[in-house]
């Protein structure tokens, strides 16, 4: 099946070059220079990958990603993988993009092999195993909330709302700090924040998230940065599913 991709970059030449490379990889590509016009296309449900530039007038890449995720949450739709191809290429830029939910951070000018790796990661996220909105640990999370406040529905809802906020805030900051340290040459210091988030995941009954964080911890200090990034991206995707599952307890 031909992957369908949307490229969003306010620079027409950059969008055209990237679209050409993606077509060489066998993709069907739509290129846009206006992120607002691209949003309805990205949310169509049949897109396999969205590529965003980070620095665009009007909506920048981070704002566009936030709007995509917000619409997906409200529709209870699976998340479309989003990558960034950008001129912002420091180690901190890379760490921040992955912590915020981008599936890959590629510098301009993008290389074909780097783009091929990003596509492979995106298609993994679009697989049946990863595209579900809820975490596979939904039942154990619900049991955990029930044990915290047995029979008290109002208390359970408040706990779920508080847990969702805590997981969202701590999760993003933990991944950002971990990746900044690891990509900045301090992998030993990156272990401590991950352990704190793992304890929170364990207390919630989020076993898959705990497992993904363990995989990420195992990659710290190794020479394979692509494997480190992939582990971080999969952990972030599962983190989003846990957050969604908790919020659904409040809304249901």
Protein backbone atom coordinates (compact mmCIF):
# COMPACT_ATOMS: atom_id res chain seq x y z
CA UNK A 1 0.00 0.00 0.00
CA UNK A 2 1.37 3.40 -0.99
CA UNK A 3 2.10 5.63 2.04
CA UNK A 4 0.29 8.97 1.86
CA UNK A 5 2.30 11.96 3.10
CA UNK A 6 1.67 15.67 3.61
CA UNK A 7 4.66 18.04 3.52
CA UNK A 8 4.18 21.45 5.17
CA UNK A 9 6.86 24.10 4.73
CA UNK A 10 6.37 27.82 4.06
CA UNK A 11 9.39 27.71 1.73
CA UNK A 12 8.13 26.37 -1.59
CA UNK A 13 11.57 25.16 -2.72
CA UNK A 14 12.14 23.19 0.50
CA UNK A 15 8.67 21.64 0.30
CA UNK A 16 9.25 20.66 -3.33
CA UNK A 17 12.64 19.03 -2.66
CA UNK A 18 11.27 17.04 0.26
CA UNK A 19 8.24 15.96 -1.75
CA UNK A 20 10.52 14.75 -4.54
CA UNK A 21 12.59 12.66 -2.08
CA UNK A 22 9.47 11.13 -0.57
CA UNK A 23 8.19 10.20 -4.01
CA UNK A 24 11.51 8.43 -4.61
CA UNK A 25 10.67 6.37 -1.52
CA UNK A 26 7.36 5.37 -3.09
CA UNK A 27 5.06 7.83 -1.30
CA UNK A 28 2.06 9.75 -2.56
CA UNK A 29 2.80 13.33 -1.53
CA UNK A 30 0.82 16.54 -1.11
CA UNK A 31 2.97 19.64 -0.51
CA UNK A 32 1.58 22.72 1.28
CA UNK A 33 3.10 26.07 2.17
CA UNK A 34 0.24 27.03 4.52
CA UNK A 35 -0.06 24.98 7.76
CA UNK A 36 -3.66 26.10 8.33
CA UNK A 37 -4.68 24.80 4.92
CA UNK A 38 -2.84 21.54 5.61
CA UNK A 39 -4.67 20.79 8.87
CA UNK A 40 -7.90 19.39 7.33
CA UNK A 41 -5.80 17.16 5.07
CA UNK A 42 -3.71 15.89 7.97
CA UNK A 43 -6.86 15.00 9.91
CA UNK A 44 -8.50 13.13 7.04
CA UNK A 45 -7.75 9.74 8.58
CA UNK A 46 -6.01 8.24 5.55
CA UNK A 47 -2.66 10.02 5.94
CA UNK A 48 0.36 7.97 7.04
CA UNK A 49 2.80 10.80 7.75
CA UNK A 50 2.89 14.58 8.14
CA UNK A 51 6.14 16.52 7.78
CA UNK A 52 6.30 19.98 9.37
CA UNK A 53 8.89 22.72 9.29
CA UNK A 54 9.38 24.14 12.79
CA UNK A 55 9.80 27.81 11.88
CA UNK A 56 6.84 29.02 9.84
CA UNK A 57 4.92 32.33 10.01
CA UNK A 58 1.48 32.11 11.52
CA UNK A 59 1.38 28.57 12.90
CA UNK A 60 4.82 27.12 13.59
CA UNK A 61 5.55 23.39 13.65
CA UNK A 62 4.92 22.94 17.36
CA UNK A 63 1.60 24.79 17.22
CA UNK A 64 0.51 22.77 14.20
CA UNK A 65 1.39 19.50 15.96
CA UNK A 66 -0.59 20.63 19.03
CA UNK A 67 -3.66 21.36 16.89
CA UNK A 68 -3.41 18.00 15.13
CA UNK A 69 -3.20 16.14 18.44
CA UNK A 70 -6.04 18.20 19.96
CA UNK A 71 -8.38 17.36 17.07
CA UNK A 72 -7.40 13.68 17.25
CA UNK A 73 -8.16 13.57 20.97
CA UNK A 74 -11.56 15.20 20.53
CA UNK A 75 -12.44 12.75 17.76
CA UNK A 76 -10.92 9.77 19.62
CA UNK A 77 -8.93 9.12 16.45
CA UNK A 78 -5.55 7.35 16.22
CA UNK A 79 -2.55 9.65 16.04
CA UNK A 80 -0.94 10.31 12.67
CA UNK A 81 2.89 10.25 12.89
CA UNK A 82 4.39 13.72 12.47
CA UNK A 83 8.05 14.44 11.73
CA UNK A 84 9.91 17.70 11.44
CA UNK A 85 12.38 18.66 8.73
CA UNK A 86 13.96 21.85 9.97
CA UNK A 87 16.94 24.18 9.98
CA UNK A 88 16.96 24.04 13.81
CA UNK A 89 19.45 21.24 14.28
CA UNK A 90 21.07 21.50 17.73
CA UNK A 91 20.98 18.53 20.10
CA UNK A 92 18.49 20.42 22.29
CA UNK A 93 16.26 21.12 19.26
CA UNK A 94 16.27 17.41 18.52
CA UNK A 95 15.52 16.44 22.12
CA UNK A 96 12.69 18.97 22.40
CA UNK A 97 11.04 17.84 19.17
CA UNK A 98 11.05 14.16 20.16
CA UNK A 99 9.82 14.95 23.70
CA UNK A 100 6.94 16.98 22.26
CA UNK A 101 5.79 14.08 20.11
CA UNK A 102 7.51 14.36 16.74
CA UNK A 103 8.34 10.92 15.35
CA UNK A 104 11.64 12.17 13.90
CA UNK A 105 13.77 15.31 13.78
CA UNK A 106 15.64 15.74 10.48
CA UNK A 107 17.91 18.62 9.56
CA UNK A 108 17.92 20.54 6.30
CA UNK A 109 19.09 19.63 3.75
CA UNK A 110 17.57 16.24 4.47
CA UNK A 111 19.37 13.09 3.32
CA UNK A 112 17.49 10.31 1.59
CA UNK A 113 18.64 7.59 4.01
CA UNK A 114 17.65 9.67 7.04
CA UNK A 115 14.25 10.22 5.47
CA UNK A 116 13.93 6.49 4.77
CA UNK A 117 14.57 5.79 8.48
CA UNK A 118 11.96 8.34 9.51
CA UNK A 119 9.44 6.74 7.15
CA UNK A 120 10.10 3.30 8.62
CA UNK A 121 9.49 4.64 12.13
CA UNK A 122 6.32 6.41 11.03
CA UNK A 123 4.93 3.27 9.43
CA UNK A 124 5.66 1.37 12.65
CA UNK A 125 3.52 3.91 14.50
CA UNK A 126 0.75 3.40 11.92
CA UNK A 127 0.77 -0.37 12.45
CA UNK A 128 -2.19 -2.05 14.17
CA UNK A 129 -0.10 -2.57 17.30
CA UNK A 130 0.52 1.16 17.80
CA UNK A 131 -2.33 3.04 16.13
CA UNK A 132 -4.97 2.38 18.83
CA UNK A 133 -6.12 5.41 20.84
CA UNK A 134 -6.21 3.59 24.21
CA UNK A 135 -3.33 1.92 26.00
CA UNK A 136 -3.46 -1.87 26.19
CA UNK A 137 -3.27 -1.39 29.98
CA UNK A 138 -6.65 0.34 30.14
CA UNK A 139 -8.17 -2.30 32.42
CA UNK A 140 -5.29 -2.26 34.91
CA UNK A 141 -5.34 1.56 35.03
CA UNK A 142 -9.08 1.49 35.73
CA UNK A 143 -8.48 -1.11 38.46
CA UNK A 144 -5.81 1.13 39.97
CA UNK A 145 -8.22 4.07 40.12
CA UNK A 146 -10.89 1.83 41.64
CA UNK A 147 -8.50 0.65 44.34
CA UNK A 148 -7.52 4.20 45.20
CA UNK A 149 -11.17 5.24 45.70
CA UNK A 150 -13.43 2.17 45.83
CA UNK A 151 -17.06 3.10 45.26
CA UNK A 152 -16.45 6.86 45.23
CA UNK A 153 -17.08 7.87 41.63
CA UNK A 154 -16.42 11.57 42.16
CA UNK A 155 -13.10 10.87 43.86
CA UNK A 156 -12.11 8.51 41.05
CA UNK A 157 -12.82 11.18 38.43
CA UNK A 158 -10.77 13.79 40.29
CA UNK A 159 -7.93 11.30 40.70
CA UNK A 160 -8.04 10.40 36.99
CA UNK A 161 -7.97 14.07 35.99
CA UNK A 162 -5.05 14.75 38.34
CA UNK A 163 -3.17 11.67 37.15
CA UNK A 164 -3.64 12.65 33.49
CA UNK A 165 -2.20 16.10 34.16
CA UNK A 166 0.70 14.70 36.20
CA UNK A 167 1.58 12.08 33.59
CA UNK A 168 1.38 14.64 30.78
CA UNK A 169 3.58 17.20 32.53
CA UNK A 170 6.09 14.83 34.10
CA UNK A 171 6.25 12.65 31.00
CA UNK A 172 7.11 15.43 28.60
CA UNK A 173 9.63 17.06 30.94
CA UNK A 174 11.24 13.69 31.73
CA UNK A 175 11.68 12.77 28.07
CA UNK A 176 13.01 16.23 27.28
CA UNK A 177 15.54 16.13 30.13
CA UNK A 178 16.54 12.54 29.37
CA UNK A 179 17.12 13.20 25.68
CA UNK A 180 18.93 16.48 26.26
CA UNK A 181 21.33 14.73 28.61
CA UNK A 182 21.78 11.66 26.44
CA UNK A 183 22.25 13.56 23.16
CA UNK A 184 24.44 16.09 24.97
CA UNK A 185 26.91 13.41 26.04
CA UNK A 186 25.70 12.81 29.62
CA UNK A 187 23.85 9.46 29.40
CA UNK A 188 24.61 8.48 33.01
CA UNK A 189 22.73 11.53 34.32
CA UNK A 190 19.76 10.68 32.08
CA UNK A 191 18.86 7.55 34.07
CA UNK A 192 17.48 9.28 37.19
CA UNK A 193 14.52 11.16 35.63
CA UNK A 194 13.49 8.03 33.72
CA UNK A 195 13.37 6.04 36.96
CA UNK A 196 10.97 8.57 38.49
CA UNK A 197 8.61 8.34 35.51
CA UNK A 198 8.84 4.53 35.58
CA UNK A 199 7.72 4.53 39.22
CA UNK A 200 4.71 6.68 38.31
CA UNK A 201 3.83 4.35 35.42
CA UNK A 202 4.09 1.34 37.72
CA UNK A 203 1.84 2.97 40.33
CA UNK A 204 -0.77 3.59 37.62
CA UNK A 205 -0.72 0.03 36.33
CA UNK A 206 0.71 1.27 33.00
CA UNK A 207 2.89 -1.78 32.40
CA UNK A 208 3.52 -1.17 28.69
CA UNK A 209 4.69 2.37 29.37
CA UNK A 210 6.99 1.02 32.07
CA UNK A 211 8.38 -1.49 29.57
CA UNK A 212 8.93 1.18 26.92
CA UNK A 213 10.76 3.34 29.46
CA UNK A 214 12.96 0.37 30.38
CA UNK A 215 13.85 -0.08 26.70
CA UNK A 216 14.70 3.63 26.49
CA UNK A 217 16.88 3.35 29.61
CA UNK A 218 18.75 0.43 28.05
CA UNK A 219 19.60 2.58 25.01
CA UNK A 220 21.19 5.37 27.05
CA UNK A 221 24.94 5.49 26.59
CA UNK A 222 24.96 3.26 23.51
CA UNK A 223 26.40 4.43 20.23
CA UNK A 224 23.21 3.91 18.20
CA UNK A 225 21.40 7.24 18.36
CA UNK A 226 18.72 6.04 15.92
CA UNK A 227 17.80 3.21 18.31
CA UNK A 228 17.70 5.73 21.17
CA UNK A 229 15.38 8.01 19.19
CA UNK A 230 13.12 5.12 18.21
CA UNK A 231 12.83 4.01 21.85
CA UNK A 232 12.00 7.59 22.88
CA UNK A 233 9.36 7.93 20.15
CA UNK A 234 7.66 4.65 21.11
CA UNK A 235 7.68 5.65 24.79
CA UNK A 236 6.16 9.04 23.92
CA UNK A 237 3.44 7.37 21.83
CA UNK A 238 2.52 5.05 24.71
CA UNK A 239 2.61 8.00 27.11
CA UNK A 240 -0.02 9.71 24.94
CA UNK A 241 -2.20 6.58 25.03
CA UNK A 242 -2.00 6.46 28.84
CA UNK A 243 -2.93 10.15 29.08
CA UNK A 244 -5.88 9.64 26.74
CA UNK A 245 -7.06 6.61 28.70
CA UNK A 246 -6.98 8.56 31.97
CA UNK A 247 -8.85 11.49 30.48
CA UNK A 248 -11.50 9.18 29.10
CA UNK A 249 -12.28 8.11 32.68
CA UNK A 250 -13.31 11.70 33.35
CA UNK A 251 -15.34 12.08 30.17
CA UNK A 252 -17.12 8.70 30.16
